Amino acid sequence: MEKNLEEEKKFNGKCTSCGASIKQDEKVCSYCGTPNVYYKEHVVPDIVPPKRDIDSDDDFDFGGMLGGMMGGMMMGGMLRGLRGGRPPRRRR
């Protein structure tokens, strides 16, 4: 355990051979190809979504409903404008 901490303290972001900048999660130096003796694999933690109660009554989405209604009204106006200068159809 202590050896691991000492190695991490020694790592200064430079290649041991040529001195080029190198990240700890790179296996080899991109400049000279020397293996990185301080290589440490980058670990991505799993992200767990929060649990949701399916039986809850607060599933009503007023914003989505209102947005859908307003979008429909705007589309109606746009489609009405596409008819151009034609007079409206007469109903019999």
PDB file of N, CA and C in Angstrom:
ATOM      1  N   MET A   1       0.826  -1.194   0.000  1.00  0.00           N
ATOM      2  CA  MET A   1       0.000   0.000   0.000  1.00  0.00           C
ATOM      3  C   MET A   1       0.871   1.259   0.000  1.00  0.00           C
ATOM      4  N   GLU A   2       1.893   1.272   0.835  1.00  0.00           N
ATOM      5  CA  GLU A   2       2.760   2.444   0.910  1.00  0.00           C
ATOM      6  C   GLU A   2       3.544   2.632  -0.387  1.00  0.00           C
ATOM      7  N   LYS A   3       3.913   1.518  -1.028  1.00  0.00           N
ATOM      8  CA  LYS A   3       4.645   1.599  -2.284  1.00  0.00           C
ATOM      9  C   LYS A   3       3.800   2.289  -3.350  1.00  0.00           C
ATOM     10  N   ASN A   4       2.495   1.979  -3.361  1.00  0.00           N
ATOM     11  CA  ASN A   4       1.572   2.606  -4.299  1.00  0.00           C
ATOM     12  C   ASN A   4       1.534   4.113  -4.100  1.00  0.00           C
ATOM     13  N   LEU A   5       1.463   4.557  -2.849  1.00  0.00           N
ATOM     14  CA  LEU A   5       1.414   5.991  -2.552  1.00  0.00           C
ATOM     15  C   LEU A   5       2.715   6.675  -2.954  1.00  0.00           C
ATOM     16  N   GLU A   6       3.836   6.004  -2.734  1.00  0.00           N
ATOM     17  CA  GLU A   6       5.126   6.583  -3.099  1.00  0.00           C
ATOM     18  C   GLU A   6       5.235   6.739  -4.618  1.00  0.00           C
ATOM     19  N   GLU A   7       4.740   5.740  -5.372  1.00  0.00           N
ATOM     20  CA  GLU A   7       4.788   5.815  -6.833  1.00  0.00           C
ATOM     21  C   GLU A   7       3.940   6.964  -7.343  1.00  0.00           C
ATOM     22  N   GLU A   8       2.768   7.161  -6.740  1.00  0.00           N
ATOM     23  CA  GLU A   8       1.898   8.250  -7.169  1.00  0.00           C
ATOM     24  C   GLU A   8       2.540   9.596  -6.873  1.00  0.00           C
ATOM     25  N   LYS A   9       3.276   9.703  -5.767  1.00  0.00           N
ATOM     26  CA  LYS A   9       3.940  10.958  -5.434  1.00  0.00           C
ATOM     27  C   LYS A   9       5.073  11.241  -6.429  1.00  0.00           C
ATOM     28  N   LYS A  10       5.760  10.183  -6.895  1.00  0.00           N
ATOM     29  CA  LYS A  10       6.870  10.357  -7.826  1.00  0.00           C
ATOM     30  C   LYS A  10       6.397  10.789  -9.209  1.00  0.00           C
ATOM     31  N   PHE A  11       5.210  10.376  -9.606  1.00  0.00           N
ATOM     32  CA  PHE A  11       4.727  10.697 -10.952  1.00  0.00           C
ATOM     33  C   PHE A  11       4.522  12.199 -11.080  1.00  0.00           C
ATOM     34  N   ASN A  12       5.242  12.801 -12.030  1.00  0.00           N
ATOM     35  CA  ASN A  12       5.169  14.250 -12.192  1.00  0.00           C
ATOM     36  C   ASN A  12       4.622  14.658 -13.553  1.00  0.00           C
ATOM     37  N   GLY A  13       4.073  13.702 -14.320  1.00  0.00           N
ATOM     38  CA  GLY A  13       3.500  14.028 -15.616  1.00  0.00           C
ATOM     39  C   GLY A  13       4.515  14.086 -16.736  1.00  0.00           C
ATOM     40  N   LYS A  14       5.726  13.594 -16.482  1.00  0.00           N
ATOM     41  CA  LYS A  14       6.789  13.609 -17.491  1.00  0.00           C
ATOM     42  C   LYS A  14       7.229  12.176 -17.783  1.00  0.00           C
ATOM     43  N   CYS A  15       7.609  11.923 -19.021  1.00  0.00           N
ATOM     44  CA  CYS A  15       8.154  10.624 -19.422  1.00  0.00           C
ATOM     45  C   CYS A  15       9.508  10.436 -18.751  1.00  0.00           C
ATOM     46  N   THR A  16       9.751   9.217 -18.258  1.00  0.00           N
ATOM     47  CA  THR A  16      11.034   8.951 -17.585  1.00  0.00           C
ATOM     48  C   THR A  16      12.205   8.917 -18.557  1.00  0.00           C
ATOM     49  N   SER A  17      11.919   8.728 -19.838  1.00  0.00           N
ATOM     50  CA  SER A  17      12.994   8.631 -20.826  1.00  0.00           C
ATOM     51  C   SER A  17      13.294   9.970 -21.496  1.00  0.00           C
ATOM     52  N   CYS A  18      12.271  10.604 -22.075  1.00  0.00           N
ATOM     53  CA  CYS A  18      12.518  11.818 -22.863  1.00  0.00           C
ATOM     54  C   CYS A  18      12.037  13.098 -22.184  1.00  0.00           C
ATOM     55  N   GLY A  19      11.197  12.993 -21.163  1.00  0.00           N
ATOM     56  CA  GLY A  19      10.728  14.176 -20.440  1.00  0.00           C
ATOM     57  C   GLY A  19       9.504  14.834 -21.048  1.00  0.00           C
ATOM     58  N   ALA A  20       8.894  14.197 -22.054  1.00  0.00           N
ATOM     59  CA  ALA A  20       7.680  14.756 -22.668  1.00  0.00           C
ATOM     60  C   ALA A  20       6.503  14.632 -21.702  1.00  0.00           C
ATOM     61  N   SER A  21       5.536  15.501 -21.859  1.00  0.00           N
ATOM     62  CA  SER A  21       4.346  15.445 -21.012  1.00  0.00           C
ATOM     63  C   SER A  21       3.573  14.162 -21.297  1.00  0.00           C
ATOM     64  N   ILE A  22       3.140  13.491 -20.244  1.00  0.00           N
ATOM     65  CA  ILE A  22       2.418  12.228 -20.382  1.00  0.00           C
ATOM     66  C   ILE A  22       1.400  12.129 -19.251  1.00  0.00           C
ATOM     67  N   LYS A  23       0.273  11.534 -19.557  1.00  0.00           N
ATOM     68  CA  LYS A  23      -0.756  11.330 -18.540  1.00  0.00           C
ATOM     69  C   LYS A  23      -0.546   9.969 -17.900  1.00  0.00           C
ATOM     70  N   GLN A  24      -1.041   9.818 -16.677  1.00  0.00           N
ATOM     71  CA  GLN A  24      -0.839   8.571 -15.962  1.00  0.00           C
ATOM     72  C   GLN A  24      -1.628   7.421 -16.585  1.00  0.00           C
ATOM     73  N   ASP A  25      -2.712   7.722 -17.334  1.00  0.00           N
ATOM     74  CA  ASP A  25      -3.498   6.645 -17.936  1.00  0.00           C
ATOM     75  C   ASP A  25      -3.051   6.308 -19.361  1.00  0.00           C
ATOM     76  N   GLU A  26      -1.889   6.804 -19.809  1.00  0.00           N
ATOM     77  CA  GLU A  26      -1.317   6.440 -21.102  1.00  0.00           C
ATOM     78  C   GLU A  26      -0.318   5.303 -20.896  1.00  0.00           C
ATOM     79  N   LYS A  27      -0.460   4.221 -21.693  1.00  0.00           N
ATOM     80  CA  LYS A  27       0.424   3.058 -21.529  1.00  0.00           C
ATOM     81  C   LYS A  27       1.847   3.352 -21.972  1.00  0.00           C
ATOM     82  N   VAL A  28       1.987   4.107 -23.058  1.00  0.00           N
ATOM     83  CA  VAL A  28       3.326   4.436 -23.573  1.00  0.00           C
ATOM     84  C   VAL A  28       3.394   5.933 -23.864  1.00  0.00           C
ATOM     85  N   CYS A  29       4.600   6.447 -23.905  1.00  0.00           N
ATOM     86  CA  CYS A  29       4.827   7.853 -24.239  1.00  0.00           C
ATOM     87  C   CYS A  29       4.505   8.055 -25.720  1.00  0.00           C
ATOM     88  N   SER A  30       3.701   9.036 -26.027  1.00  0.00           N
ATOM     89  CA  SER A  30       3.316   9.275 -27.417  1.00  0.00           C
ATOM     90  C   SER A  30       4.469   9.879 -28.226  1.00  0.00           C
ATOM     91  N   TYR A  31       5.486  10.399 -27.558  1.00  0.00           N
ATOM     92  CA  TYR A  31       6.614  11.020 -28.258  1.00  0.00           C
ATOM     93  C   TYR A  31       7.713  10.007 -28.594  1.00  0.00           C
ATOM     94  N   CYS A  32       8.143   9.218 -27.577  1.00  0.00           N
ATOM     95  CA  CYS A  32       9.264   8.302 -27.816  1.00  0.00           C
ATOM     96  C   CYS A  32       8.876   6.827 -27.755  1.00  0.00           C
ATOM     97  N   GLY A  33       7.676   6.500 -27.282  1.00  0.00           N
ATOM     98  CA  GLY A  33       7.219   5.112 -27.253  1.00  0.00           C
ATOM     99  C   GLY A  33       7.681   4.317 -26.046  1.00  0.00           C
ATOM    100  N   THR A  34       8.297   4.976 -25.072  1.00  0.00           N
ATOM    101  CA  THR A  34       8.748   4.285 -23.867  1.00  0.00           C
ATOM    102  C   THR A  34       7.544   3.901 -23.010  1.00  0.00           C
ATOM    103  N   PRO A  35       7.500   2.673 -22.475  1.00  0.00           N
ATOM    104  CA  PRO A  35       6.387   2.285 -21.595  1.00  0.00           C
ATOM    105  C   PRO A  35       6.322   3.178 -20.353  1.00  0.00           C
ATOM    106  N   ASN A  36       5.131   3.539 -19.971  1.00  0.00           N
ATOM    107  CA  ASN A  36       4.907   4.382 -18.798  1.00  0.00           C
ATOM    108  C   ASN A  36       4.962   3.500 -17.561  1.00  0.00           C
ATOM    109  N   VAL A  37       5.997   3.670 -16.737  1.00  0.00           N
ATOM    110  CA  VAL A  37       6.142   2.836 -15.541  1.00  0.00           C
ATOM    111  C   VAL A  37       5.111   3.193 -14.482  1.00  0.00           C
ATOM    112  N   TYR A  38       4.500   4.362 -14.585  1.00  0.00           N
ATOM    113  CA  TYR A  38       3.484   4.795 -13.621  1.00  0.00           C
ATOM    114  C   TYR A  38       2.073   4.628 -14.169  1.00  0.00           C
ATOM    115  N   TYR A  39       1.927   3.801 -15.202  1.00  0.00           N
ATOM    116  CA  TYR A  39       0.623   3.613 -15.842  1.00  0.00           C
ATOM    117  C   TYR A  39      -0.413   3.146 -14.824  1.00  0.00           C
ATOM    118  N   LYS A  40      -1.539   3.807 -14.856  1.00  0.00           N
ATOM    119  CA  LYS A  40      -2.657   3.451 -13.984  1.00  0.00           C
ATOM    120  C   LYS A  40      -3.912   3.600 -14.832  1.00  0.00           C
ATOM    121  N   GLU A  41      -4.667   2.496 -14.984  1.00  0.00           N
ATOM    122  CA  GLU A  41      -5.854   2.505 -15.838  1.00  0.00           C
ATOM    123  C   GLU A  41      -6.908   3.444 -15.265  1.00  0.00           C
ATOM    124  N   HIS A  42      -7.506   4.237 -16.142  1.00  0.00           N
ATOM    125  CA  HIS A  42      -8.562   5.165 -15.745  1.00  0.00           C
ATOM    126  C   HIS A  42      -9.854   4.376 -15.525  1.00  0.00           C
ATOM    127  N   VAL A  43     -10.420   4.479 -14.348  1.00  0.00           N
ATOM    128  CA  VAL A  43     -11.635   3.739 -14.004  1.00  0.00           C
ATOM    129  C   VAL A  43     -12.812   4.706 -13.988  1.00  0.00           C
ATOM    130  N   VAL A  44     -13.846   4.375 -14.758  1.00  0.00           N
ATOM    131  CA  VAL A  44     -15.053   5.196 -14.806  1.00  0.00           C
ATOM    132  C   VAL A  44     -16.095   4.548 -13.890  1.00  0.00           C
ATOM    133  N   PRO A  45     -16.567   5.266 -12.883  1.00  0.00           N
ATOM    134  CA  PRO A  45     -17.547   4.667 -11.972  1.00  0.00           C
ATOM    135  C   PRO A  45     -18.901   4.510 -12.655  1.00  0.00           C
ATOM    136  N   ASP A  46     -19.620   3.458 -12.272  1.00  0.00           N
ATOM    137  CA  ASP A  46     -20.966   3.236 -12.795  1.00  0.00           C
ATOM    138  C   ASP A  46     -21.915   4.269 -12.212  1.00  0.00           C
ATOM    139  N   ILE A  47     -22.779   4.808 -13.064  1.00  0.00           N
ATOM    140  CA  ILE A  47     -23.769   5.778 -12.611  1.00  0.00           C
ATOM    141  C   ILE A  47     -25.102   5.060 -12.489  1.00  0.00           C
ATOM    142  N   VAL A  48     -25.645   5.066 -11.303  1.00  0.00           N
ATOM    143  CA  VAL A  48     -26.905   4.380 -11.044  1.00  0.00           C
ATOM    144  C   VAL A  48     -28.011   5.431 -11.025  1.00  0.00           C
ATOM    145  N   PRO A  49     -29.036   5.287 -11.882  1.00  0.00           N
ATOM    146  CA  PRO A  49     -30.127   6.260 -11.871  1.00  0.00           C
ATOM    147  C   PRO A  49     -30.923   6.144 -10.578  1.00  0.00           C
ATOM    148  N   PRO A  50     -31.502   7.236 -10.116  1.00  0.00           N
ATOM    149  CA  PRO A  50     -32.285   7.177  -8.879  1.00  0.00           C
ATOM    150  C   PRO A  50     -33.518   6.313  -9.053  1.00  0.00           C
ATOM    151  N   LYS A  51     -33.892   5.628  -7.984  1.00  0.00           N
ATOM    152  CA  LYS A  51     -35.087   4.793  -8.038  1.00  0.00           C
ATOM    153  C   LYS A  51     -36.317   5.672  -8.054  1.00  0.00           C
ATOM    154  N   ARG A  52     -37.298   5.253  -8.836  1.00  0.00           N
ATOM    155  CA  ARG A  52     -38.514   6.041  -8.979  1.00  0.00           C
ATOM    156  C   ARG A  52     -39.702   5.187  -8.587  1.00  0.00           C
ATOM    157  N   ASP A  53     -40.610   5.761  -7.817  1.00  0.00           N
ATOM    158  CA  ASP A  53     -41.803   5.039  -7.395  1.00  0.00           C
ATOM    159  C   ASP A  53     -42.803   5.073  -8.540  1.00  0.00           C
ATOM    160  N   ILE A  54     -43.110   3.912  -9.114  1.00  0.00           N
ATOM    161  CA  ILE A  54     -44.002   3.833 -10.268  1.00  0.00           C
ATOM    162  C   ILE A  54     -45.445   4.145  -9.894  1.00  0.00           C
ATOM    163  N   ASP A  55     -45.835   3.851  -8.671  1.00  0.00           N
ATOM    164  CA  ASP A  55     -47.227   4.020  -8.253  1.00  0.00           C
ATOM    165  C   ASP A  55     -47.556   5.433  -7.777  1.00  0.00           C
ATOM    166  N   SER A  56     -46.619   6.370  -7.880  1.00  0.00           N
ATOM    167  CA  SER A  56     -46.901   7.718  -7.370  1.00  0.00           C
ATOM    168  C   SER A  56     -47.887   8.447  -8.278  1.00  0.00           C
ATOM    169  N   ASP A  57     -48.632   9.362  -7.716  1.00  0.00           N
ATOM    170  CA  ASP A  57     -49.661  10.104  -8.445  1.00  0.00           C
ATOM    171  C   ASP A  57     -49.141  11.402  -9.054  1.00  0.00           C
ATOM    172  N   ASP A  58     -47.878  11.729  -8.848  1.00  0.00           N
ATOM    173  CA  ASP A  58     -47.349  13.000  -9.359  1.00  0.00           C
ATOM    174  C   ASP A  58     -46.729  12.850 -10.748  1.00  0.00           C
ATOM    175  N   ASP A  59     -47.270  11.961 -11.569  1.00  0.00           N
ATOM    176  CA  ASP A  59     -46.747  11.738 -12.915  1.00  0.00           C
ATOM    177  C   ASP A  59     -47.314  12.713 -13.942  1.00  0.00           C
ATOM    178  N   PHE A  60     -48.237  13.573 -13.558  1.00  0.00           N
ATOM    179  CA  PHE A  60     -48.869  14.502 -14.489  1.00  0.00           C
ATOM    180  C   PHE A  60     -47.845  15.526 -14.955  1.00  0.00           C
ATOM    181  N   ASP A  61     -47.679  15.656 -16.258  1.00  0.00           N
ATOM    182  CA  ASP A  61     -46.689  16.561 -16.835  1.00  0.00           C
ATOM    183  C   ASP A  61     -47.412  17.733 -17.483  1.00  0.00           C
ATOM    184  N   PHE A  62     -47.674  18.767 -16.693  1.00  0.00           N
ATOM    185  CA  PHE A  62     -48.391  19.930 -17.202  1.00  0.00           C
ATOM    186  C   PHE A  62     -47.581  20.665 -18.262  1.00  0.00           C
ATOM    187  N   GLY A  63     -46.248  20.760 -18.062  1.00  0.00           N
ATOM    188  CA  GLY A  63     -45.401  21.461 -19.027  1.00  0.00           C
ATOM    189  C   GLY A  63     -45.417  20.792 -20.385  1.00  0.00           C
ATOM    190  N   GLY A  64     -45.370  19.465 -20.394  1.00  0.00           N
ATOM    191  CA  GLY A  64     -45.410  18.741 -21.657  1.00  0.00           C
ATOM    192  C   GLY A  64     -46.746  18.904 -22.358  1.00  0.00           C
ATOM    193  N   MET A  65     -47.821  18.886 -21.567  1.00  0.00           N
ATOM    194  CA  MET A  65     -49.154  19.047 -22.145  1.00  0.00           C
ATOM    195  C   MET A  65     -49.312  20.453 -22.727  1.00  0.00           C
ATOM    196  N   LEU A  66     -48.875  21.452 -21.966  1.00  0.00           N
ATOM    197  CA  LEU A  66     -49.001  22.837 -22.414  1.00  0.00           C
ATOM    198  C   LEU A  66     -48.133  23.080 -23.650  1.00  0.00           C
ATOM    199  N   GLY A  67     -46.904  22.518 -23.655  1.00  0.00           N
ATOM    200  CA  GLY A  67     -46.027  22.680 -24.809  1.00  0.00           C
ATOM    201  C   GLY A  67     -46.614  22.035 -26.054  1.00  0.00           C
ATOM    202  N   GLY A  68     -47.225  20.860 -25.892  1.00  0.00           N
ATOM    203  CA  GLY A  68     -47.843  20.190 -27.024  1.00  0.00           C
ATOM    204  C   GLY A  68     -49.005  20.981 -27.582  1.00  0.00           C
ATOM    205  N   MET A  69     -49.796  21.573 -26.690  1.00  0.00           N
ATOM    206  CA  MET A  69     -50.946  22.361 -27.125  1.00  0.00           C
ATOM    207  C   MET A  69     -50.489  23.627 -27.864  1.00  0.00           C
ATOM    208  N   MET A  70     -49.496  24.323 -27.292  1.00  0.00           N
ATOM    209  CA  MET A  70     -49.012  25.558 -27.924  1.00  0.00           C
ATOM    210  C   MET A  70     -48.335  25.246 -29.261  1.00  0.00           C
ATOM    211  N   GLY A  71     -47.591  24.132 -29.319  1.00  0.00           N
ATOM    212  CA  GLY A  71     -46.948  23.743 -30.570  1.00  0.00           C
ATOM    213  C   GLY A  71     -47.977  23.433 -31.643  1.00  0.00           C
ATOM    214  N   GLY A  72     -49.073  22.790 -31.252  1.00  0.00           N
ATOM    215  CA  GLY A  72     -50.130  22.478 -32.207  1.00  0.00           C
ATOM    216  C   GLY A  72     -50.793  23.729 -32.739  1.00  0.00           C
ATOM    217  N   MET A  73     -50.997  24.713 -31.855  1.00  0.00           N
ATOM    218  CA  MET A  73     -51.620  25.965 -32.295  1.00  0.00           C
ATOM    219  C   MET A  73     -50.696  26.709 -33.256  1.00  0.00           C
ATOM    220  N   MET A  74     -49.398  26.687 -32.980  1.00  0.00           N
ATOM    221  CA  MET A  74     -48.453  27.383 -33.854  1.00  0.00           C
ATOM    222  C   MET A  74     -48.346  26.685 -35.209  1.00  0.00           C
ATOM    223  N   MET A  75     -48.360  25.345 -35.207  1.00  0.00           N
ATOM    224  CA  MET A  75     -48.308  24.606 -36.468  1.00  0.00           C
ATOM    225  C   MET A  75     -49.553  24.887 -37.302  1.00  0.00           C
ATOM    226  N   GLY A  76     -50.695  25.014 -36.641  1.00  0.00           N
ATOM    227  CA  GLY A  76     -51.924  25.330 -37.373  1.00  0.00           C
ATOM    228  C   GLY A  76     -51.814  26.669 -38.083  1.00  0.00           C
ATOM    229  N   GLY A  77     -51.235  27.652 -37.411  1.00  0.00           N
ATOM    230  CA  GLY A  77     -51.043  28.964 -38.025  1.00  0.00           C
ATOM    231  C   GLY A  77     -50.070  28.911 -39.180  1.00  0.00           C
ATOM    232  N   MET A  78     -49.017  28.120 -39.030  1.00  0.00           N
ATOM    233  CA  MET A  78     -48.046  28.002 -40.120  1.00  0.00           C
ATOM    234  C   MET A  78     -48.667  27.301 -41.326  1.00  0.00           C
ATOM    235  N   LEU A  79     -49.417  26.248 -41.079  1.00  0.00           N
ATOM    236  CA  LEU A  79     -50.032  25.512 -42.179  1.00  0.00           C
ATOM    237  C   LEU A  79     -51.095  26.361 -42.869  1.00  0.00           C
ATOM    238  N   ARG A  80     -51.792  27.184 -42.107  1.00  0.00           N
ATOM    239  CA  ARG A  80     -52.785  28.067 -42.692  1.00  0.00           C
ATOM    240  C   ARG A  80     -52.095  29.072 -43.614  1.00  0.00           C
ATOM    241  N   GLY A  81     -50.890  29.514 -43.225  1.00  0.00           N
ATOM    242  CA  GLY A  81     -50.136  30.456 -44.045  1.00  0.00           C
ATOM    243  C   GLY A  81     -49.599  29.824 -45.318  1.00  0.00           C
ATOM    244  N   LEU A  82     -49.465  28.510 -45.354  1.00  0.00           N
ATOM    245  CA  LEU A  82     -48.956  27.831 -46.541  1.00  0.00           C
ATOM    246  C   LEU A  82     -49.961  27.830 -47.686  1.00  0.00           C
ATOM    247  N   ARG A  83     -51.203  28.042 -47.358  1.00  0.00           N
ATOM    248  CA  ARG A  83     -52.225  28.036 -48.411  1.00  0.00           C
ATOM    249  C   ARG A  83     -52.027  29.203 -49.365  1.00  0.00           C
ATOM    250  N   GLY A  84     -51.294  30.202 -48.947  1.00  0.00           N
ATOM    251  CA  GLY A  84     -51.017  31.338 -49.821  1.00  0.00           C
ATOM    252  C   GLY A  84     -52.202  32.286 -49.898  1.00  0.00           C
ATOM    253  N   GLY A  85     -52.404  32.879 -51.069  1.00  0.00           N
ATOM    254  CA  GLY A  85     -53.460  33.862 -51.237  1.00  0.00           C
ATOM    255  C   GLY A  85     -54.774  33.266 -51.690  1.00  0.00           C
ATOM    256  N   ARG A  86     -54.899  31.966 -51.653  1.00  0.00           N
ATOM    257  CA  ARG A  86     -56.135  31.353 -52.105  1.00  0.00           C
ATOM    258  C   ARG A  86     -57.262  31.681 -51.134  1.00  0.00           C
ATOM    259  N   PRO A  87     -58.430  31.886 -51.666  1.00  0.00           N
ATOM    260  CA  PRO A  87     -59.566  32.121 -50.768  1.00  0.00           C
ATOM    261  C   PRO A  87     -59.942  30.813 -50.093  1.00  0.00           C
ATOM    262  N   PRO A  88     -60.552  30.892 -48.900  1.00  0.00           N
ATOM    263  CA  PRO A  88     -60.954  29.670 -48.210  1.00  0.00           C
ATOM    264  C   PRO A  88     -62.018  28.915 -49.009  1.00  0.00           C
ATOM    265  N   ARG A  89     -62.052  27.606 -48.832  1.00  0.00           N
ATOM    266  CA  ARG A  89     -63.034  26.767 -49.529  1.00  0.00           C
ATOM    267  C   ARG A  89     -64.427  27.087 -49.041  1.00  0.00           C
ATOM    268  N   ARG A  90     -65.364  27.037 -49.940  1.00  0.00           N
ATOM    269  CA  ARG A  90     -66.763  27.260 -49.550  1.00  0.00           C
ATOM    270  C   ARG A  90     -67.361  25.943 -49.118  1.00  0.00           C
ATOM    271  N   ARG A  91     -68.071  25.988 -48.077  1.00  0.00           N
ATOM    272  CA  ARG A  91     -68.778  24.789 -47.613  1.00  0.00           C
ATOM    273  C   ARG A  91     -70.171  24.810 -48.144  1.00  0.00           C
ATOM    274  N   ARG A  92     -70.677  23.688 -48.561  1.00  0.00           N
ATOM    275  CA  ARG A  92     -72.036  23.614 -49.125  1.00  0.00           C
ATOM    276  C   ARG A  92     -73.034  23.157 -48.124  1.00  0.00           C
TER     277      ARG A  92
END
